[in-house]
Amino acid sequence: MIRFYLHEMIAERKFKTGKKVTLEMIAKETGVSKVTLSRINSQRGYNTTTDNIDKLCAYFGCSVAQLIEHVAGDEVE
């Protein structure tokens, strides 16, 4: 299963900038819909496009490995 670290990336950005970061703000700046961001953030195993992953990596200035991780099914929390 693929695990997204979107929640952690948002928290890190808030900490670094000292400013609130919302899914709505990310959607506006990346072009990834708020619904998709919400699903990535909350649905276990959500499937999204590589285009969305690319946009999120560009927004957060991170690598794919910092945003997503493959975990075996029995390792999921």
C-alpha atoms as a PDB file:
ATOM      1  CA  MET A   1       0.000   0.000   0.000  1.00  0.00           C
ATOM      2  CA  ILE A   2       1.107   3.570  -0.624  1.00  0.00           C
ATOM      3  CA  ARG A   3       1.178   5.875   2.382  1.00  0.00           C
ATOM      4  CA  PHE A   4       1.085   9.635   1.879  1.00  0.00           C
ATOM      5  CA  TYR A   5       2.816  12.035   4.242  1.00  0.00           C
ATOM      6  CA  LEU A   6       0.695  15.025   3.249  1.00  0.00           C
ATOM      7  CA  HIS A   7      -0.402  15.736   6.818  1.00  0.00           C
ATOM      8  CA  GLU A   8       3.230  15.752   7.979  1.00  0.00           C
ATOM      9  CA  MET A   9       4.330  17.939   5.067  1.00  0.00           C
ATOM     10  CA  ILE A  10       1.604  20.466   5.906  1.00  0.00           C
ATOM     11  CA  ALA A  11       2.653  20.509   9.571  1.00  0.00           C
ATOM     12  CA  GLU A  12       6.300  20.998   8.608  1.00  0.00           C
ATOM     13  CA  ARG A  13       5.446  23.872   6.267  1.00  0.00           C
ATOM     14  CA  LYS A  14       3.329  25.521   8.984  1.00  0.00           C
ATOM     15  CA  PHE A  15       6.227  25.197  11.429  1.00  0.00           C
ATOM     16  CA  LYS A  16       8.806  26.598   8.988  1.00  0.00           C
ATOM     17  CA  THR A  17       6.700  29.532   7.782  1.00  0.00           C
ATOM     18  CA  GLY A  18       4.744  30.235  10.945  1.00  0.00           C
ATOM     19  CA  LYS A  19       1.650  30.543   8.761  1.00  0.00           C
ATOM     20  CA  LYS A  20      -1.500  28.479   8.517  1.00  0.00           C
ATOM     21  CA  VAL A  21      -1.550  26.065   5.563  1.00  0.00           C
ATOM     22  CA  THR A  22      -4.904  24.706   4.431  1.00  0.00           C
ATOM     23  CA  LEU A  23      -5.916  22.214   1.775  1.00  0.00           C
ATOM     24  CA  GLU A  24      -7.746  25.063   0.056  1.00  0.00           C
ATOM     25  CA  MET A  25      -4.524  27.090  -0.144  1.00  0.00           C
ATOM     26  CA  ILE A  26      -2.587  24.103  -1.481  1.00  0.00           C
ATOM     27  CA  ALA A  27      -5.318  23.423  -4.058  1.00  0.00           C
ATOM     28  CA  LYS A  28      -5.223  27.019  -5.263  1.00  0.00           C
ATOM     29  CA  GLU A  29      -1.424  27.040  -5.609  1.00  0.00           C
ATOM     30  CA  THR A  30      -0.994  23.574  -7.143  1.00  0.00           C
ATOM     31  CA  GLY A  31      -4.119  23.042  -9.222  1.00  0.00           C
ATOM     32  CA  VAL A  32      -4.800  19.763  -7.377  1.00  0.00           C
ATOM     33  CA  SER A  33      -8.452  19.772  -6.333  1.00  0.00           C
ATOM     34  CA  LYS A  34      -9.332  20.185  -2.672  1.00  0.00           C
ATOM     35  CA  VAL A  35     -11.327  16.942  -2.830  1.00  0.00           C
ATOM     36  CA  THR A  36      -8.278  15.049  -4.088  1.00  0.00           C
ATOM     37  CA  LEU A  37      -6.084  16.598  -1.396  1.00  0.00           C
ATOM     38  CA  SER A  38      -8.626  15.673   1.253  1.00  0.00           C
ATOM     39  CA  ARG A  39      -8.714  12.086   0.019  1.00  0.00           C
ATOM     40  CA  ILE A  40      -4.915  11.861  -0.098  1.00  0.00           C
ATOM     41  CA  ASN A  41      -4.822  13.230   3.444  1.00  0.00           C
ATOM     42  CA  SER A  42      -7.488  11.002   4.951  1.00  0.00           C
ATOM     43  CA  GLN A  43      -8.186   7.864   2.894  1.00  0.00           C
ATOM     44  CA  ARG A  44      -5.867   4.956   3.520  1.00  0.00           C
ATOM     45  CA  GLY A  45      -4.430   3.671   0.237  1.00  0.00           C
ATOM     46  CA  TYR A  46      -5.891   6.478  -1.907  1.00  0.00           C
ATOM     47  CA  ASN A  47      -4.776   6.309  -5.546  1.00  0.00           C
ATOM     48  CA  THR A  48      -3.820   9.538  -7.305  1.00  0.00           C
ATOM     49  CA  THR A  49      -1.955  10.477 -10.480  1.00  0.00           C
ATOM     50  CA  THR A  50       1.760  11.046 -10.840  1.00  0.00           C
ATOM     51  CA  ASP A  51       0.886  14.558 -12.045  1.00  0.00           C
ATOM     52  CA  ASN A  52      -0.645  15.314  -8.630  1.00  0.00           C
ATOM     53  CA  ILE A  53       2.374  13.840  -6.872  1.00  0.00           C
ATOM     54  CA  ASP A  54       4.655  16.008  -9.023  1.00  0.00           C
ATOM     55  CA  LYS A  55       2.657  19.152  -8.190  1.00  0.00           C
ATOM     56  CA  LEU A  56       2.739  18.397  -4.469  1.00  0.00           C
ATOM     57  CA  CYS A  57       6.490  17.736  -4.523  1.00  0.00           C
ATOM     58  CA  ALA A  58       7.014  21.060  -6.294  1.00  0.00           C
ATOM     59  CA  TYR A  59       4.795  22.877  -3.775  1.00  0.00           C
ATOM     60  CA  PHE A  60       6.535  21.414  -0.725  1.00  0.00           C
ATOM     61  CA  GLY A  61      10.010  21.410  -2.317  1.00  0.00           C
ATOM     62  CA  CYS A  62      10.423  17.749  -1.485  1.00  0.00           C
ATOM     63  CA  SER A  63      11.268  14.461  -3.135  1.00  0.00           C
ATOM     64  CA  VAL A  64       8.704  11.773  -3.910  1.00  0.00           C
ATOM     65  CA  ALA A  65      10.209   9.666  -1.103  1.00  0.00           C
ATOM     66  CA  GLN A  66       9.453  12.446   1.385  1.00  0.00           C
ATOM     67  CA  LEU A  67       5.813  12.588   0.271  1.00  0.00           C
ATOM     68  CA  ILE A  68       4.938   8.916  -0.229  1.00  0.00           C
ATOM     69  CA  GLU A  69       6.135   5.539   0.952  1.00  0.00           C
ATOM     70  CA  HIS A  70       5.320   1.939   0.106  1.00  0.00           C
ATOM     71  CA  VAL A  71       4.380  -0.130   3.134  1.00  0.00           C
ATOM     72  CA  ALA A  72       3.440  -3.771   3.241  1.00  0.00           C
ATOM     73  CA  GLY A  73      -0.231  -4.381   3.993  1.00  0.00           C
ATOM     74  CA  ASP A  74       0.417  -5.793   7.458  1.00  0.00           C
ATOM     75  CA  GLU A  75       2.654  -2.846   8.434  1.00  0.00           C
ATOM     76  CA  VAL A  76      -0.056  -0.225   8.044  1.00  0.00           C
ATOM     77  CA  GLU A  77      -0.995   1.527  11.282  1.00  0.00           C
END
